[in-house]
Protein backbone atom coordinates (compact mmCIF):
# COMPACT_ATOMS: atom_id res chain seq x y z
CA UNK A 1 16.97 -8.98 1.09
CA UNK A 2 18.16 -9.70 4.76
CA UNK A 3 16.18 -11.28 7.67
CA UNK A 4 15.99 -10.18 11.31
CA UNK A 5 17.04 -13.39 13.42
CA UNK A 6 15.81 -12.03 16.63
CA UNK A 7 13.83 -14.36 18.38
CA UNK A 8 11.54 -11.87 19.63
CA UNK A 9 10.62 -10.30 16.52
CA UNK A 10 7.66 -11.14 14.38
CA UNK A 11 9.06 -10.54 11.25
CA UNK A 12 7.44 -11.14 8.25
CA UNK A 13 8.17 -10.31 4.22
CA UNK A 14 5.75 -9.39 1.52
CA UNK A 15 6.58 -8.95 -2.31
CA UNK A 16 4.81 -8.50 -5.34
CA UNK A 17 5.02 -7.96 -8.93
CA UNK A 18 2.04 -6.54 -10.78
CA UNK A 19 1.55 -6.05 -14.67
CA UNK A 20 -0.97 -4.09 -16.13
CA UNK A 21 -2.35 -1.37 -18.77
CA UNK A 22 -2.74 2.44 -18.25
CA UNK A 23 -5.06 4.18 -20.39
CA UNK A 24 -6.03 7.81 -20.26
CA UNK A 25 -9.66 8.56 -19.77
CA UNK A 26 -9.48 10.89 -22.68
CA UNK A 27 -8.25 8.29 -24.95
CA UNK A 28 -5.49 10.34 -26.74
CA UNK A 29 -2.71 7.55 -26.90
CA UNK A 30 -2.61 3.98 -26.75
CA UNK A 31 -2.30 2.01 -23.25
CA UNK A 32 1.01 1.57 -21.60
CA UNK A 33 2.05 -1.75 -20.27
CA UNK A 34 4.22 -1.45 -17.10
CA UNK A 35 5.47 -3.21 -14.05
CA UNK A 36 4.85 -2.39 -10.27
CA UNK A 37 7.23 -4.00 -7.67
CA UNK A 38 7.21 -3.82 -4.19
CA UNK A 39 8.90 -5.22 -0.94
CA UNK A 40 7.76 -4.60 2.40
CA UNK A 41 8.79 -5.94 6.18
CA UNK A 42 7.26 -5.74 9.18
CA UNK A 43 7.81 -6.94 12.89
CA UNK A 44 7.74 -6.24 16.59
CA UNK A 45 9.76 -3.38 18.33
CA UNK A 46 12.08 -5.00 20.78
CA UNK A 47 9.69 -8.10 20.90
CA UNK A 48 6.82 -5.91 22.35
CA UNK A 49 3.65 -7.02 20.79
CA UNK A 50 2.06 -3.80 21.20
CA UNK A 51 4.52 -1.95 19.13
CA UNK A 52 5.10 -2.90 15.47
CA UNK A 53 7.47 -1.56 12.66
CA UNK A 54 6.84 -1.42 8.96
CA UNK A 55 9.22 -0.54 6.24
CA UNK A 56 9.17 -1.01 2.27
CA UNK A 57 9.71 0.23 -0.76
CA UNK A 58 7.68 0.25 -4.16
CA UNK A 59 9.06 0.84 -8.00
CA UNK A 60 6.70 1.51 -10.86
CA UNK A 61 7.67 1.51 -14.61
CA UNK A 62 6.00 1.97 -18.07
CA UNK A 63 6.81 0.41 -21.59
CA UNK A 64 7.42 -2.68 -19.60
CA UNK A 65 10.47 -2.22 -17.30
CA UNK A 66 12.15 0.16 -20.04
CA UNK A 67 11.13 3.60 -18.21
CA UNK A 68 11.20 4.34 -14.74
CA UNK A 69 8.39 6.30 -13.29
CA UNK A 70 8.47 6.38 -9.41
CA UNK A 71 10.57 4.89 -6.66
CA UNK A 72 9.56 5.12 -2.95
CA UNK A 73 10.72 4.08 0.50
CA UNK A 74 8.82 4.13 3.67
CA UNK A 75 8.77 3.26 7.56
CA UNK A 76 6.19 3.45 10.05
CA UNK A 77 5.49 2.45 13.71
CA UNK A 78 2.45 1.33 14.92
CA UNK A 79 1.03 1.01 18.67
CA UNK A 80 -1.91 -1.41 19.40
CA UNK A 81 -4.28 0.25 21.72
CA UNK A 82 -6.67 -2.81 22.15
CA UNK A 83 -10.10 -3.79 20.97
CA UNK A 84 -8.68 -3.80 17.15
CA UNK A 85 -7.61 -0.38 17.41
CA UNK A 86 -4.15 0.95 16.36
CA UNK A 87 -2.36 4.47 15.63
CA UNK A 88 1.00 5.26 14.08
CA UNK A 89 3.22 7.51 12.45
CA UNK A 90 5.88 7.23 9.72
CA UNK A 91 8.12 8.95 7.15
CA UNK A 92 8.26 8.47 3.29
CA UNK A 93 10.35 9.82 0.67
CA UNK A 94 10.97 9.04 -3.00
CA UNK A 95 11.36 10.40 -6.58
CA UNK A 96 9.42 10.51 -9.66
CA UNK A 97 9.78 11.18 -13.38
CA UNK A 98 7.90 13.84 -15.07
CA UNK A 99 7.84 15.88 -18.05
CA UNK A 100 9.39 18.92 -16.33
CA UNK A 101 12.13 16.45 -14.70
CA UNK A 102 12.54 14.66 -11.60
CA UNK A 103 10.30 15.24 -8.67
CA UNK A 104 11.49 14.63 -5.09
CA UNK A 105 8.95 14.25 -2.30
CA UNK A 106 9.00 13.86 1.38
CA UNK A 107 6.00 12.77 3.45
CA UNK A 108 4.85 12.58 6.83
CA UNK A 109 2.07 10.04 7.55
CA UNK A 110 -0.38 9.53 10.88
CA UNK A 111 -2.59 6.48 10.98
CA UNK A 112 -5.53 5.21 12.78
CA UNK A 113 -6.79 1.84 12.11
CA UNK A 114 -9.47 -0.64 13.28
CA UNK A 115 -10.24 -4.26 12.79
CA UNK A 116 -12.47 -6.95 13.98
CA UNK A 117 -13.39 -10.67 13.07
CA UNK A 118 -11.04 -13.99 13.26
CA UNK A 119 -12.43 -16.02 10.41
CA UNK A 120 -13.99 -13.35 8.59
CA UNK A 121 -12.25 -10.24 9.09
CA UNK A 122 -13.02 -6.20 8.28
CA UNK A 123 -10.14 -3.68 8.53
CA UNK A 124 -10.82 0.28 8.23
CA UNK A 125 -7.84 2.52 8.01
CA UNK A 126 -7.17 6.26 7.68
CA UNK A 127 -3.94 7.61 6.67
CA UNK A 128 -3.47 11.40 6.93
CA UNK A 129 -0.27 12.81 5.03
CA UNK A 130 1.74 15.73 4.69
CA UNK A 131 3.41 15.73 1.22
CA UNK A 132 6.52 18.19 0.66
CA UNK A 133 7.24 18.06 -3.36
CA UNK A 134 10.06 19.98 -5.00
CA UNK A 135 8.95 23.05 -6.86
CA UNK A 136 5.79 23.81 -4.73
CA UNK A 137 5.76 26.76 -2.43
CA UNK A 138 3.10 24.78 -0.13
CA UNK A 139 2.55 21.56 1.01
CA UNK A 140 -0.15 19.19 0.05
CA UNK A 141 -2.64 17.36 2.38
CA UNK A 142 -4.02 14.06 1.59
CA UNK A 143 -6.26 11.61 3.63
CA UNK A 144 -6.53 7.98 2.51
CA UNK A 145 -9.33 5.76 3.42
CA UNK A 146 -8.96 2.32 3.17
CA UNK A 147 -11.38 -0.74 3.48
CA UNK A 148 -10.20 -4.33 3.65
CA UNK A 149 -12.36 -7.65 3.89
CA UNK A 150 -11.47 -11.25 3.98
CA UNK A 151 -13.65 -14.35 4.38
CA UNK A 152 -12.78 -17.89 3.89
CA UNK A 153 -14.76 -20.13 1.25
CA UNK A 154 -15.93 -22.30 4.37
CA UNK A 155 -15.02 -23.07 7.79
CA UNK A 156 -11.56 -24.49 8.00
CA UNK A 157 -11.12 -23.75 4.45
CA UNK A 158 -7.47 -22.29 3.32
CA UNK A 159 -9.12 -20.37 0.51
CA UNK A 160 -10.53 -17.03 1.07
CA UNK A 161 -12.22 -14.18 -0.80
CA UNK A 162 -10.06 -10.92 -0.55
CA UNK A 163 -11.43 -7.29 -1.42
CA UNK A 164 -10.26 -3.84 -0.80
CA UNK A 165 -11.03 -0.48 -1.69
CA UNK A 166 -9.22 2.97 -1.29
CA UNK A 167 -10.16 6.61 -1.77
CA UNK A 168 -7.52 9.35 -1.84
CA UNK A 169 -8.80 13.12 -0.90
CA UNK A 170 -6.10 15.89 -1.40
CA UNK A 171 -6.12 19.57 -0.90
CA UNK A 172 -3.49 22.40 -0.78
CA UNK A 173 -2.42 23.85 2.67
CA UNK A 174 -3.40 27.33 1.43
CA UNK A 175 -6.91 26.14 0.82
CA UNK A 176 -7.66 22.94 3.40
CA UNK A 177 -11.52 23.58 2.88
CA UNK A 178 -11.54 22.58 -1.01
CA UNK A 179 -10.11 18.82 -1.29
CA UNK A 180 -10.49 17.00 -4.65
CA UNK A 181 -10.42 13.40 -5.26
CA UNK A 182 -6.86 12.45 -5.93
CA UNK A 183 -7.21 8.79 -7.04
CA UNK A 184 -9.28 5.24 -6.24
CA UNK A 185 -7.93 1.84 -5.90
CA UNK A 186 -10.14 -1.42 -5.71
CA UNK A 187 -8.73 -5.01 -5.24
CA UNK A 188 -10.64 -8.07 -5.81
CA UNK A 189 -9.24 -11.51 -5.74
CA UNK A 190 -8.68 -14.83 -3.71
CA UNK A 191 -6.22 -15.78 -0.77
CA UNK A 192 -4.48 -19.23 -0.19
CA UNK A 193 -2.95 -19.54 3.27
CA UNK A 194 -0.05 -21.99 1.91
CA UNK A 195 1.16 -22.85 5.61
CA UNK A 196 0.66 -21.33 9.19
CA UNK A 197 3.40 -18.91 8.12
CA UNK A 198 2.70 -18.09 4.76
CA UNK A 199 -0.11 -16.85 2.31
CA UNK A 200 -0.61 -16.01 -1.31
CA UNK A 201 -2.99 -13.49 -2.91
CA UNK A 202 -3.90 -13.31 -6.64
CA UNK A 203 -6.75 -10.90 -8.07
CA UNK A 204 -7.44 -7.81 -10.24
CA UNK A 205 -6.67 -4.20 -9.13
CA UNK A 206 -8.11 -1.17 -10.50
CA UNK A 207 -6.11 2.11 -9.68
CA UNK A 208 -7.28 5.42 -10.72
CA UNK A 209 -5.01 8.40 -10.55
CA UNK A 210 -5.07 12.37 -11.47
CA UNK A 211 -1.58 11.63 -12.47
CA UNK A 212 0.06 14.88 -11.03
CA UNK A 213 -2.73 17.16 -12.21
CA UNK A 214 -3.04 15.86 -15.70
CA UNK A 215 -6.01 13.96 -17.18
CA UNK A 216 -6.97 10.93 -14.89
CA UNK A 217 -5.58 7.78 -15.95
CA UNK A 218 -6.79 4.23 -15.23
CA UNK A 219 -4.63 1.00 -14.70
CA UNK A 220 -5.84 -2.28 -14.87
CA UNK A 221 -3.37 -4.55 -12.78
CA UNK A 222 -2.80 -8.51 -12.59
CA UNK A 223 -1.70 -8.48 -8.86
CA UNK A 224 0.05 -11.54 -7.17
CA UNK A 225 1.48 -10.85 -3.54
CA UNK A 226 3.15 -13.47 -1.34
CA UNK A 227 3.48 -12.84 2.57
CA UNK A 228 5.69 -15.02 4.87
CA UNK A 229 6.06 -14.91 8.69
CA UNK A 230 9.56 -16.39 9.94
CA UNK A 231 8.68 -16.11 13.71
CA UNK A 232 5.01 -17.53 13.40
CA UNK A 233 6.51 -20.81 11.77
CA UNK A 234 8.79 -20.95 14.73
CA UNK A 235 6.41 -20.33 17.50
CA UNK A 236 4.10 -23.15 16.23
């Protein structure tokens, strides 16, 4: 991993490895153990605090790390409008393995977010995605609604409670008025501010997915994430 040493860039890195079990709701087969790994970088664009960029990648495997399931990379540019409001746009591309072979996907994303609070903080975000997948003669339209809340155990305490949820609604471009629930994700855990420039979060993630149109599956995941900001440490 390389670091941007530009003095004006508020650069941060986040990486996490999560272990869990994915069990089909119908219960036809035994649960699978897997590993999800992600890396994300973010910073200011040209040192301007109102423009921020984010780039990252995620990989998922089952049967431990023996079988690759999914790999994805993304970039996004956002602008703060004031009063906790931000807008942005981005692009993502990746590949997934299915019974029919390898599926390639290109994704365009637009985002609208709002956040409020200093100690206790609430964040709302909506992402609108246009998904182009190999083998389909129409694109998929998906909306992701995200809510995240954090609040400290006590004033001045480094430990805080973290909770988040996400709902994914998807529809075909040929029938945009008939959306269906594509998945949900819920996380609950604790966060620990290690230093002024780093923080750790550990908790439980419940991820439910339709699995590409098959029977829904639920993943029970133990998640650990570490965030580090180099520029925060230098400014202070």
